[in-house]
Amino acid sequence: MGNAALEHQLWLLLGVGVLPLWLLAGLCDYITHARTRIAETSGVPESFLHLLQTAEIGVPLLAVLLLEVNALVLVLAVAGVVAHSLTAYVDVRYALPRRHVSAFEQFVHAFLIVLPFTALALVVILHWTQFASLWRGDASWVLEWKRHPWDARMIASVLAGSLLFGVLPGVYEFMRTWRARARTNAAS
């Protein structure tokens, strides 16, 4: 298999394997939060942490999708994945004493931790020269639009899937927790 064929296979793995599985895990996590009444238990603080995790991953995702992947974008992606993992730890520490976190939810969390690192590893492999430039001293630190952009349908698919299965459930969860807090404050 030549380099172009291997590159195609790695992008395919990322686009039809890792990303859909990751979005499915996120949707399952949202459902477990609703089933454990997050709005009445751990509330706004935990829901905010979920939105923060979405942003920590969303920024690097948009960068890889729309910008030339150079050293700066790779450092941004590494920082986003590490920040997402640290926030996930804070999230679970916060939630455990406030609501039931089932074995299934913990199983889902395993995917939500490992899949960002898997995606990052694939992106690093696909841009190894740029990654290696971090140690060679000739790294590019300029943000620039992709010279050869992805097909618009592919970009739209990634953005639509991320919005429908990642962002919107998180925003809806946050709104539900916010309203529950407002009702509690109004009642007291």
N, C-alpha and C. Protein backbone atom coordinates (compact mmCIF):
# COMPACT_ATOMS: atom_id res chain seq x y z
N MET A 1 0.85 -1.18 0.00
CA MET A 1 0.00 0.00 0.00
C MET A 1 0.89 1.24 0.00
N GLY A 2 0.64 2.14 -0.95
CA GLY A 2 1.42 3.36 -1.05
C GLY A 2 1.02 4.37 -0.01
N ASN A 3 1.81 5.45 0.07
CA ASN A 3 1.52 6.50 1.05
C ASN A 3 0.15 7.11 0.86
N ALA A 4 -0.25 7.37 -0.38
CA ALA A 4 -1.56 7.99 -0.63
C ALA A 4 -2.68 7.06 -0.20
N ALA A 5 -2.53 5.76 -0.48
CA ALA A 5 -3.56 4.79 -0.09
C ALA A 5 -3.63 4.67 1.43
N LEU A 6 -2.48 4.65 2.09
CA LEU A 6 -2.46 4.57 3.55
C LEU A 6 -3.07 5.82 4.16
N GLU A 7 -2.72 6.97 3.61
CA GLU A 7 -3.29 8.23 4.11
C GLU A 7 -4.81 8.21 3.97
N HIS A 8 -5.29 7.74 2.82
CA HIS A 8 -6.74 7.65 2.60
C HIS A 8 -7.38 6.72 3.64
N GLN A 9 -6.76 5.59 3.91
CA GLN A 9 -7.31 4.63 4.88
C GLN A 9 -7.34 5.22 6.29
N LEU A 10 -6.32 5.97 6.65
CA LEU A 10 -6.29 6.58 7.99
C LEU A 10 -7.37 7.65 8.13
N TRP A 11 -7.55 8.48 7.09
CA TRP A 11 -8.64 9.47 7.14
C TRP A 11 -9.99 8.79 7.19
N LEU A 12 -10.12 7.68 6.45
CA LEU A 12 -11.37 6.92 6.46
C LEU A 12 -11.64 6.36 7.86
N LEU A 13 -10.62 5.81 8.50
CA LEU A 13 -10.75 5.30 9.86
C LEU A 13 -11.21 6.41 10.80
N LEU A 14 -10.63 7.57 10.65
CA LEU A 14 -11.00 8.71 11.49
C LEU A 14 -12.43 9.16 11.22
N GLY A 15 -12.79 9.26 9.95
CA GLY A 15 -14.08 9.82 9.58
C GLY A 15 -15.27 8.90 9.71
N VAL A 16 -15.08 7.61 9.44
CA VAL A 16 -16.22 6.69 9.51
C VAL A 16 -16.12 5.71 10.67
N GLY A 17 -15.04 5.80 11.43
CA GLY A 17 -14.88 4.94 12.60
C GLY A 17 -14.83 5.73 13.89
N VAL A 18 -13.74 6.44 14.08
CA VAL A 18 -13.48 7.12 15.34
C VAL A 18 -14.52 8.22 15.62
N LEU A 19 -14.73 9.11 14.67
CA LEU A 19 -15.64 10.24 14.93
C LEU A 19 -17.08 9.79 15.19
N PRO A 20 -17.67 8.91 14.35
CA PRO A 20 -19.05 8.47 14.66
C PRO A 20 -19.16 7.74 15.99
N LEU A 21 -18.18 6.91 16.31
CA LEU A 21 -18.21 6.20 17.59
C LEU A 21 -18.11 7.18 18.75
N TRP A 22 -17.29 8.18 18.60
CA TRP A 22 -17.12 9.23 19.61
C TRP A 22 -18.42 10.00 19.81
N LEU A 23 -19.07 10.38 18.71
CA LEU A 23 -20.34 11.09 18.81
C LEU A 23 -21.42 10.22 19.44
N LEU A 24 -21.44 8.94 19.09
CA LEU A 24 -22.40 8.01 19.69
C LEU A 24 -22.16 7.89 21.20
N ALA A 25 -20.89 7.81 21.60
CA ALA A 25 -20.58 7.74 23.03
C ALA A 25 -21.04 9.01 23.74
N GLY A 26 -20.83 10.16 23.11
CA GLY A 26 -21.29 11.42 23.70
C GLY A 26 -22.80 11.46 23.86
N LEU A 27 -23.51 10.96 22.87
CA LEU A 27 -24.97 10.92 22.95
C LEU A 27 -25.42 9.97 24.06
N CYS A 28 -24.76 8.82 24.17
CA CYS A 28 -25.08 7.88 25.27
C CYS A 28 -24.82 8.52 26.62
N ASP A 29 -23.74 9.29 26.73
CA ASP A 29 -23.42 9.98 27.98
C ASP A 29 -24.52 10.98 28.32
N TYR A 30 -24.97 11.73 27.33
CA TYR A 30 -26.07 12.68 27.53
C TYR A 30 -27.32 11.96 28.05
N ILE A 31 -27.64 10.81 27.47
CA ILE A 31 -28.81 10.05 27.90
C ILE A 31 -28.66 9.58 29.34
N THR A 32 -27.45 9.12 29.71
CA THR A 32 -27.26 8.69 31.10
C THR A 32 -27.40 9.86 32.06
N HIS A 33 -26.98 11.04 31.65
CA HIS A 33 -27.15 12.23 32.51
C HIS A 33 -28.63 12.52 32.73
N ALA A 34 -29.40 12.44 31.67
CA ALA A 34 -30.84 12.69 31.79
C ALA A 34 -31.50 11.65 32.69
N ARG A 35 -31.09 10.39 32.54
CA ARG A 35 -31.70 9.31 33.34
C ARG A 35 -31.37 9.45 34.83
N THR A 36 -30.23 10.05 35.14
CA THR A 36 -29.87 10.23 36.55
C THR A 36 -30.25 11.62 37.05
N ARG A 37 -31.09 12.31 36.29
CA ARG A 37 -31.65 13.60 36.71
C ARG A 37 -30.56 14.63 37.04
N ILE A 38 -29.67 14.82 36.11
CA ILE A 38 -28.58 15.77 36.32
C ILE A 38 -29.10 17.16 36.69
N ALA A 39 -30.25 17.54 36.14
CA ALA A 39 -30.79 18.88 36.41
C ALA A 39 -31.12 19.07 37.88
N GLU A 40 -31.51 17.99 38.57
CA GLU A 40 -31.88 18.09 39.98
C GLU A 40 -30.77 17.63 40.92
N THR A 41 -29.69 17.08 40.39
CA THR A 41 -28.63 16.55 41.26
C THR A 41 -27.37 17.40 41.15
N SER A 42 -26.50 17.09 40.23
CA SER A 42 -25.24 17.83 40.12
C SER A 42 -25.39 19.15 39.37
N GLY A 43 -26.45 19.30 38.60
CA GLY A 43 -26.88 20.58 38.06
C GLY A 43 -25.94 21.33 37.13
N VAL A 44 -26.05 22.65 37.23
CA VAL A 44 -25.36 23.57 36.33
C VAL A 44 -23.84 23.36 36.34
N PRO A 45 -23.19 23.21 37.50
CA PRO A 45 -21.73 23.07 37.46
C PRO A 45 -21.26 21.88 36.61
N GLU A 46 -21.91 20.72 36.77
CA GLU A 46 -21.48 19.57 35.97
C GLU A 46 -21.81 19.80 34.50
N SER A 47 -22.98 20.32 34.22
CA SER A 47 -23.36 20.57 32.84
C SER A 47 -22.41 21.57 32.18
N PHE A 48 -21.98 22.58 32.93
CA PHE A 48 -21.00 23.53 32.40
C PHE A 48 -19.70 22.82 32.04
N LEU A 49 -19.28 21.88 32.88
CA LEU A 49 -18.06 21.12 32.58
C LEU A 49 -18.21 20.35 31.27
N HIS A 50 -19.41 19.86 30.98
CA HIS A 50 -19.64 19.15 29.72
C HIS A 50 -19.50 20.11 28.54
N LEU A 51 -20.03 21.32 28.67
CA LEU A 51 -19.87 22.31 27.60
C LEU A 51 -18.41 22.70 27.43
N LEU A 52 -17.69 22.81 28.54
CA LEU A 52 -16.27 23.13 28.47
C LEU A 52 -15.52 22.04 27.71
N GLN A 53 -15.83 20.77 28.01
CA GLN A 53 -15.19 19.67 27.29
C GLN A 53 -15.50 19.72 25.80
N THR A 54 -16.73 20.08 25.46
CA THR A 54 -17.10 20.20 24.05
C THR A 54 -16.25 21.28 23.37
N ALA A 55 -16.07 22.40 24.03
CA ALA A 55 -15.25 23.48 23.47
C ALA A 55 -13.78 23.06 23.37
N GLU A 56 -13.29 22.36 24.39
CA GLU A 56 -11.89 21.94 24.39
C GLU A 56 -11.57 21.01 23.22
N ILE A 57 -12.56 20.26 22.78
CA ILE A 57 -12.38 19.38 21.63
C ILE A 57 -12.82 20.07 20.34
N GLY A 58 -13.84 20.91 20.44
CA GLY A 58 -14.38 21.56 19.25
C GLY A 58 -13.39 22.48 18.56
N VAL A 59 -12.62 23.22 19.33
CA VAL A 59 -11.65 24.14 18.74
C VAL A 59 -10.60 23.38 17.92
N PRO A 60 -9.96 22.35 18.48
CA PRO A 60 -9.00 21.60 17.65
C PRO A 60 -9.66 20.90 16.46
N LEU A 61 -10.88 20.39 16.64
CA LEU A 61 -11.59 19.75 15.53
C LEU A 61 -11.77 20.73 14.38
N LEU A 62 -12.24 21.93 14.69
CA LEU A 62 -12.41 22.95 13.65
C LEU A 62 -11.07 23.32 13.01
N ALA A 63 -10.03 23.41 13.83
CA ALA A 63 -8.71 23.76 13.30
C ALA A 63 -8.22 22.70 12.31
N VAL A 64 -8.34 21.43 12.67
CA VAL A 64 -7.89 20.35 11.77
C VAL A 64 -8.75 20.31 10.52
N LEU A 65 -10.00 20.60 10.66
CA LEU A 65 -10.94 20.55 9.54
C LEU A 65 -10.71 21.69 8.54
N LEU A 66 -10.39 22.88 9.04
CA LEU A 66 -10.39 24.07 8.19
C LEU A 66 -9.01 24.67 7.92
N LEU A 67 -8.03 24.37 8.77
CA LEU A 67 -6.72 25.01 8.65
C LEU A 67 -5.66 24.02 8.20
N GLU A 68 -4.56 24.57 7.66
CA GLU A 68 -3.41 23.72 7.37
C GLU A 68 -2.93 23.14 8.70
N VAL A 69 -2.73 21.85 8.73
CA VAL A 69 -2.28 21.22 9.97
C VAL A 69 -0.77 21.35 10.04
N ASN A 70 -0.34 22.31 10.84
CA ASN A 70 1.08 22.54 11.06
C ASN A 70 1.36 22.36 12.55
N ALA A 71 2.55 22.75 12.98
CA ALA A 71 2.93 22.57 14.38
C ALA A 71 1.97 23.29 15.33
N LEU A 72 1.56 24.49 14.97
CA LEU A 72 0.65 25.24 15.84
C LEU A 72 -0.68 24.52 16.01
N VAL A 73 -1.25 24.03 14.92
CA VAL A 73 -2.52 23.31 15.00
C VAL A 73 -2.35 22.01 15.79
N LEU A 74 -1.22 21.33 15.61
CA LEU A 74 -0.99 20.10 16.37
C LEU A 74 -0.83 20.38 17.87
N VAL A 75 -0.13 21.45 18.22
CA VAL A 75 0.00 21.82 19.63
C VAL A 75 -1.38 22.18 20.19
N LEU A 76 -2.18 22.89 19.42
CA LEU A 76 -3.55 23.22 19.83
C LEU A 76 -4.36 21.94 20.05
N ALA A 77 -4.20 20.97 19.16
CA ALA A 77 -4.93 19.70 19.30
C ALA A 77 -4.48 18.93 20.54
N VAL A 78 -3.18 18.87 20.77
CA VAL A 78 -2.67 18.19 21.97
C VAL A 78 -3.20 18.89 23.22
N ALA A 79 -3.12 20.21 23.25
CA ALA A 79 -3.61 20.97 24.41
C ALA A 79 -5.11 20.73 24.61
N GLY A 80 -5.88 20.70 23.54
CA GLY A 80 -7.31 20.46 23.65
C GLY A 80 -7.64 19.09 24.20
N VAL A 81 -6.94 18.07 23.72
CA VAL A 81 -7.21 16.70 24.19
C VAL A 81 -6.78 16.55 25.65
N VAL A 82 -5.65 17.10 26.01
CA VAL A 82 -5.20 17.03 27.42
C VAL A 82 -6.17 17.80 28.31
N ALA A 83 -6.56 19.00 27.91
CA ALA A 83 -7.51 19.79 28.70
C ALA A 83 -8.84 19.05 28.84
N HIS A 84 -9.31 18.44 27.76
CA HIS A 84 -10.56 17.66 27.78
C HIS A 84 -10.46 16.53 28.80
N SER A 85 -9.33 15.84 28.83
CA SER A 85 -9.16 14.72 29.77
C SER A 85 -9.11 15.20 31.21
N LEU A 86 -8.41 16.30 31.45
CA LEU A 86 -8.36 16.85 32.81
C LEU A 86 -9.73 17.34 33.26
N THR A 87 -10.46 17.97 32.36
CA THR A 87 -11.82 18.42 32.69
C THR A 87 -12.73 17.22 32.94
N ALA A 88 -12.54 16.14 32.19
CA ALA A 88 -13.34 14.92 32.41
C ALA A 88 -13.09 14.38 33.81
N TYR A 89 -11.85 14.43 34.26
CA TYR A 89 -11.53 13.98 35.62
C TYR A 89 -12.24 14.85 36.66
N VAL A 90 -12.17 16.16 36.48
CA VAL A 90 -12.85 17.09 37.40
C VAL A 90 -14.35 16.83 37.37
N ASP A 91 -14.89 16.60 36.19
CA ASP A 91 -16.32 16.33 36.01
C ASP A 91 -16.75 15.11 36.84
N VAL A 92 -16.03 14.02 36.71
CA VAL A 92 -16.40 12.80 37.44
C VAL A 92 -16.23 13.00 38.94
N ARG A 93 -15.16 13.66 39.34
CA ARG A 93 -14.96 13.94 40.78
C ARG A 93 -16.11 14.77 41.33
N TYR A 94 -16.59 15.70 40.54
CA TYR A 94 -17.70 16.54 40.97
C TYR A 94 -19.00 15.74 41.02
N ALA A 95 -19.24 14.93 40.02
CA ALA A 95 -20.52 14.22 39.89
C ALA A 95 -20.69 13.10 40.91
N LEU A 96 -19.64 12.36 41.20
CA LEU A 96 -19.77 11.15 42.02
C LEU A 96 -20.50 11.36 43.35
N PRO A 97 -20.20 12.38 44.13
CA PRO A 97 -20.94 12.53 45.39
C PRO A 97 -22.34 13.12 45.22
N ARG A 98 -22.70 13.54 44.01
CA ARG A 98 -23.96 14.25 43.82
C ARG A 98 -25.03 13.46 43.06
N ARG A 99 -24.61 12.49 42.26
CA ARG A 99 -25.58 11.69 41.52
C ARG A 99 -24.98 10.30 41.25
N HIS A 100 -25.85 9.37 40.91
CA HIS A 100 -25.41 8.01 40.61
C HIS A 100 -24.72 7.99 39.24
N VAL A 101 -23.51 7.48 39.20
CA VAL A 101 -22.78 7.28 37.95
C VAL A 101 -22.70 5.78 37.75
N SER A 102 -23.53 5.26 36.84
CA SER A 102 -23.66 3.81 36.65
C SER A 102 -22.43 3.21 35.99
N ALA A 103 -22.37 1.89 36.05
CA ALA A 103 -21.29 1.17 35.36
C ALA A 103 -21.34 1.46 33.86
N PHE A 104 -22.55 1.54 33.30
CA PHE A 104 -22.67 1.85 31.88
C PHE A 104 -22.11 3.23 31.57
N GLU A 105 -22.43 4.22 32.41
CA GLU A 105 -21.91 5.57 32.17
C GLU A 105 -20.39 5.57 32.27
N GLN A 106 -19.84 4.84 33.22
CA GLN A 106 -18.38 4.76 33.33
C GLN A 106 -17.78 4.10 32.10
N PHE A 107 -18.47 3.07 31.56
CA PHE A 107 -18.04 2.41 30.33
C PHE A 107 -18.03 3.41 29.17
N VAL A 108 -19.08 4.22 29.08
CA VAL A 108 -19.16 5.25 28.04
C VAL A 108 -18.02 6.25 28.21
N HIS A 109 -17.73 6.62 29.45
CA HIS A 109 -16.64 7.57 29.71
C HIS A 109 -15.31 7.04 29.20
N ALA A 110 -15.11 5.72 29.27
CA ALA A 110 -13.87 5.14 28.76
C ALA A 110 -13.70 5.50 27.28
N PHE A 111 -14.77 5.38 26.51
CA PHE A 111 -14.70 5.76 25.09
C PHE A 111 -14.45 7.25 24.93
N LEU A 112 -15.09 8.05 25.78
CA LEU A 112 -14.95 9.50 25.67
C LEU A 112 -13.56 9.99 26.07
N ILE A 113 -12.81 9.15 26.76
CA ILE A 113 -11.42 9.49 27.08
C ILE A 113 -10.48 8.98 25.99
N VAL A 114 -10.67 7.74 25.57
CA VAL A 114 -9.70 7.14 24.64
C VAL A 114 -9.88 7.61 23.19
N LEU A 115 -11.10 7.89 22.77
CA LEU A 115 -11.30 8.26 21.36
C LEU A 115 -10.67 9.61 20.99
N PRO A 116 -10.68 10.62 21.85
CA PRO A 116 -9.94 11.84 21.50
C PRO A 116 -8.44 11.59 21.32
N PHE A 117 -7.85 10.75 22.17
CA PHE A 117 -6.43 10.41 22.01
C PHE A 117 -6.20 9.61 20.74
N THR A 118 -7.15 8.73 20.39
CA THR A 118 -7.05 7.97 19.15
C THR A 118 -7.09 8.90 17.95
N ALA A 119 -8.04 9.83 17.96
CA ALA A 119 -8.14 10.80 16.86
C ALA A 119 -6.86 11.63 16.77
N LEU A 120 -6.36 12.07 17.91
CA LEU A 120 -5.13 12.86 17.94
C LEU A 120 -3.96 12.05 17.36
N ALA A 121 -3.84 10.79 17.76
CA ALA A 121 -2.75 9.95 17.26
C ALA A 121 -2.83 9.81 15.74
N LEU A 122 -4.04 9.62 15.22
CA LEU A 122 -4.20 9.50 13.76
C LEU A 122 -3.82 10.81 13.06
N VAL A 123 -4.23 11.93 13.62
CA VAL A 123 -3.89 13.23 13.01
C VAL A 123 -2.38 13.45 13.06
N VAL A 124 -1.74 13.09 14.16
CA VAL A 124 -0.28 13.23 14.26
C VAL A 124 0.41 12.35 13.22
N ILE A 125 -0.04 11.10 13.08
CA ILE A 125 0.56 10.21 12.08
C ILE A 125 0.39 10.80 10.68
N LEU A 126 -0.79 11.32 10.40
CA LEU A 126 -1.06 11.89 9.08
C LEU A 126 -0.25 13.16 8.80
N HIS A 127 0.23 13.80 9.86
CA HIS A 127 1.01 15.04 9.71
C HIS A 127 2.34 14.91 10.45
N TRP A 128 2.98 13.77 10.26
CA TRP A 128 4.19 13.46 11.01
C TRP A 128 5.30 14.48 10.77
N THR A 129 5.45 14.94 9.55
CA THR A 129 6.50 15.91 9.24
C THR A 129 6.31 17.18 10.06
N GLN A 130 5.07 17.63 10.16
CA GLN A 130 4.78 18.82 10.96
C GLN A 130 5.02 18.56 12.45
N PHE A 131 4.63 17.36 12.90
CA PHE A 131 4.84 17.01 14.30
C PHE A 131 6.34 16.97 14.61
N ALA A 132 7.11 16.35 13.73
CA ALA A 132 8.56 16.25 13.93
C ALA A 132 9.22 17.62 13.89
N SER A 133 8.61 18.57 13.18
CA SER A 133 9.20 19.91 13.09
C SER A 133 9.27 20.59 14.46
N LEU A 134 8.45 20.13 15.40
CA LEU A 134 8.50 20.70 16.75
C LEU A 134 9.86 20.48 17.38
N TRP A 135 10.54 19.39 17.02
CA TRP A 135 11.85 19.08 17.60
C TRP A 135 13.00 19.48 16.69
N ARG A 136 12.70 19.69 15.41
CA ARG A 136 13.75 20.09 14.48
C ARG A 136 14.02 21.59 14.54
N GLY A 137 13.08 22.35 15.04
CA GLY A 137 13.26 23.79 15.12
C GLY A 137 12.76 24.56 13.91
N ASP A 138 12.10 23.87 12.98
CA ASP A 138 11.59 24.57 11.80
C ASP A 138 10.06 24.54 11.74
N ALA A 139 9.45 24.54 12.90
CA ALA A 139 7.99 24.44 12.99
C ALA A 139 7.31 25.70 12.46
N SER A 140 6.15 25.50 11.85
CA SER A 140 5.34 26.62 11.38
C SER A 140 4.33 26.98 12.47
N TRP A 141 4.32 28.26 12.84
CA TRP A 141 3.45 28.75 13.91
C TRP A 141 2.43 29.75 13.39
N VAL A 142 2.05 29.59 12.13
CA VAL A 142 1.12 30.51 11.47
C VAL A 142 -0.17 29.77 11.16
N LEU A 143 -1.29 30.39 11.53
CA LEU A 143 -2.58 29.81 11.17
C LEU A 143 -2.91 30.23 9.74
N GLU A 144 -3.22 29.25 8.90
CA GLU A 144 -3.62 29.55 7.53
C GLU A 144 -4.68 28.56 7.08
N TRP A 145 -5.60 29.06 6.24
CA TRP A 145 -6.66 28.20 5.71
C TRP A 145 -6.03 27.07 4.90
N LYS A 146 -6.72 25.95 4.86
CA LYS A 146 -6.24 24.82 4.06
C LYS A 146 -6.04 25.25 2.62
N ARG A 147 -4.89 24.89 2.07
CA ARG A 147 -4.62 25.19 0.66
C ARG A 147 -5.48 24.31 -0.25
N HIS A 148 -5.74 23.09 0.20
CA HIS A 148 -6.60 22.15 -0.53
C HIS A 148 -7.72 21.73 0.43
N PRO A 149 -8.78 22.54 0.50
CA PRO A 149 -9.83 22.26 1.49
C PRO A 149 -10.54 20.94 1.22
N TRP A 150 -11.11 20.41 2.28
CA TRP A 150 -11.93 19.21 2.17
C TRP A 150 -13.15 19.53 1.31
N ASP A 151 -13.74 18.49 0.77
CA ASP A 151 -14.99 18.61 0.05
C ASP A 151 -16.04 19.23 0.99
N ALA A 152 -16.81 20.17 0.48
CA ALA A 152 -17.80 20.88 1.31
C ALA A 152 -18.80 19.92 1.94
N ARG A 153 -19.15 18.84 1.24
CA ARG A 153 -20.10 17.87 1.80
C ARG A 153 -19.50 17.15 3.01
N MET A 154 -18.21 16.87 2.95
CA MET A 154 -17.55 16.22 4.08
C MET A 154 -17.50 17.17 5.28
N ILE A 155 -17.14 18.40 5.04
CA ILE A 155 -17.11 19.38 6.13
C ILE A 155 -18.50 19.54 6.73
N ALA A 156 -19.50 19.65 5.87
CA ALA A 156 -20.88 19.79 6.35
C ALA A 156 -21.31 18.57 7.16
N SER A 157 -20.91 17.39 6.74
CA SER A 157 -21.26 16.16 7.47
C SER A 157 -20.64 16.14 8.86
N VAL A 158 -19.37 16.49 8.94
CA VAL A 158 -18.68 16.51 10.24
C VAL A 158 -19.32 17.56 11.15
N LEU A 159 -19.56 18.74 10.61
CA LEU A 159 -20.15 19.81 11.42
C LEU A 159 -21.57 19.47 11.84
N ALA A 160 -22.37 18.93 10.92
CA ALA A 160 -23.75 18.58 11.25
C ALA A 160 -23.80 17.47 12.29
N GLY A 161 -22.98 16.44 12.12
CA GLY A 161 -22.94 15.35 13.10
C GLY A 161 -22.51 15.85 14.46
N SER A 162 -21.48 16.69 14.48
CA SER A 162 -20.98 17.23 15.75
C SER A 162 -22.03 18.11 16.42
N LEU A 163 -22.71 18.90 15.62
CA LEU A 163 -23.75 19.78 16.16
C LEU A 163 -24.93 18.97 16.70
N LEU A 164 -25.42 18.03 15.90
CA LEU A 164 -26.61 17.26 16.29
C LEU A 164 -26.37 16.32 17.46
N PHE A 165 -25.22 15.65 17.47
CA PHE A 165 -24.98 14.62 18.47
C PHE A 165 -24.04 15.04 19.59
N GLY A 166 -23.42 16.21 19.46
CA GLY A 166 -22.49 16.67 20.48
C GLY A 166 -22.90 17.99 21.11
N VAL A 167 -22.97 19.02 20.29
CA VAL A 167 -23.20 20.38 20.80
C VAL A 167 -24.63 20.57 21.30
N LEU A 168 -25.61 20.26 20.46
CA LEU A 168 -27.01 20.52 20.85
C LEU A 168 -27.45 19.75 22.09
N PRO A 169 -27.12 18.46 22.22
CA PRO A 169 -27.50 17.79 23.48
C PRO A 169 -26.86 18.46 24.70
N GLY A 170 -25.61 18.91 24.56
CA GLY A 170 -24.95 19.58 25.67
C GLY A 170 -25.60 20.90 26.02
N VAL A 171 -25.96 21.67 25.01
CA VAL A 171 -26.63 22.95 25.24
C VAL A 171 -28.00 22.71 25.87
N TYR A 172 -28.72 21.72 25.36
CA TYR A 172 -30.04 21.41 25.92
C TYR A 172 -29.92 20.97 27.38
N GLU A 173 -28.92 20.14 27.67
CA GLU A 173 -28.70 19.72 29.06
C GLU A 173 -28.42 20.94 29.94
N PHE A 174 -27.58 21.85 29.46
CA PHE A 174 -27.26 23.03 30.24
C PHE A 174 -28.52 23.87 30.49
N MET A 175 -29.34 24.03 29.47
CA MET A 175 -30.58 24.80 29.63
C MET A 175 -31.50 24.14 30.66
N ARG A 176 -31.60 22.81 30.62
CA ARG A 176 -32.44 22.11 31.59
C ARG A 176 -31.91 22.30 33.01
N THR A 177 -30.60 22.23 33.19
CA THR A 177 -30.04 22.40 34.53
C THR A 177 -30.21 23.84 35.00
N TRP A 178 -30.07 24.79 34.08
CA TRP A 178 -30.24 26.21 34.42
C TRP A 178 -31.68 26.49 34.85
N ARG A 179 -32.63 25.95 34.11
CA ARG A 179 -34.05 26.14 34.47
C ARG A 179 -34.37 25.49 35.80
N ALA A 180 -33.81 24.32 36.05
CA ALA A 180 -34.06 23.63 37.33
C ALA A 180 -33.50 24.46 38.48
N ARG A 181 -32.32 25.06 38.28
CA ARG A 181 -31.75 25.90 39.33
C ARG A 181 -32.61 27.14 39.55
N ALA A 182 -33.10 27.73 38.48
CA ALA A 182 -33.97 28.91 38.60
C ALA A 182 -35.25 28.56 39.36
N ARG A 183 -35.82 27.39 39.08
CA ARG A 183 -37.03 26.97 39.80
C ARG A 183 -36.74 26.77 41.29
N THR A 184 -35.60 26.17 41.59
CA THR A 184 -35.21 25.95 42.98
C THR A 184 -35.00 27.27 43.70
N ASN A 185 -34.32 28.21 43.04
CA ASN A 185 -34.08 29.53 43.64
C ASN A 185 -35.38 30.30 43.83
N ALA A 186 -36.31 30.17 42.89
CA ALA A 186 -37.59 30.87 43.00
C ALA A 186 -38.44 30.29 44.12
N ALA A 187 -38.30 29.00 44.37
CA ALA A 187 -39.09 28.34 45.42
C ALA A 187 -38.56 28.65 46.81
N SER A 188 -37.31 29.07 46.91
CA SER A 188 -36.75 29.32 48.25
C SER A 188 -36.75 30.77 48.64
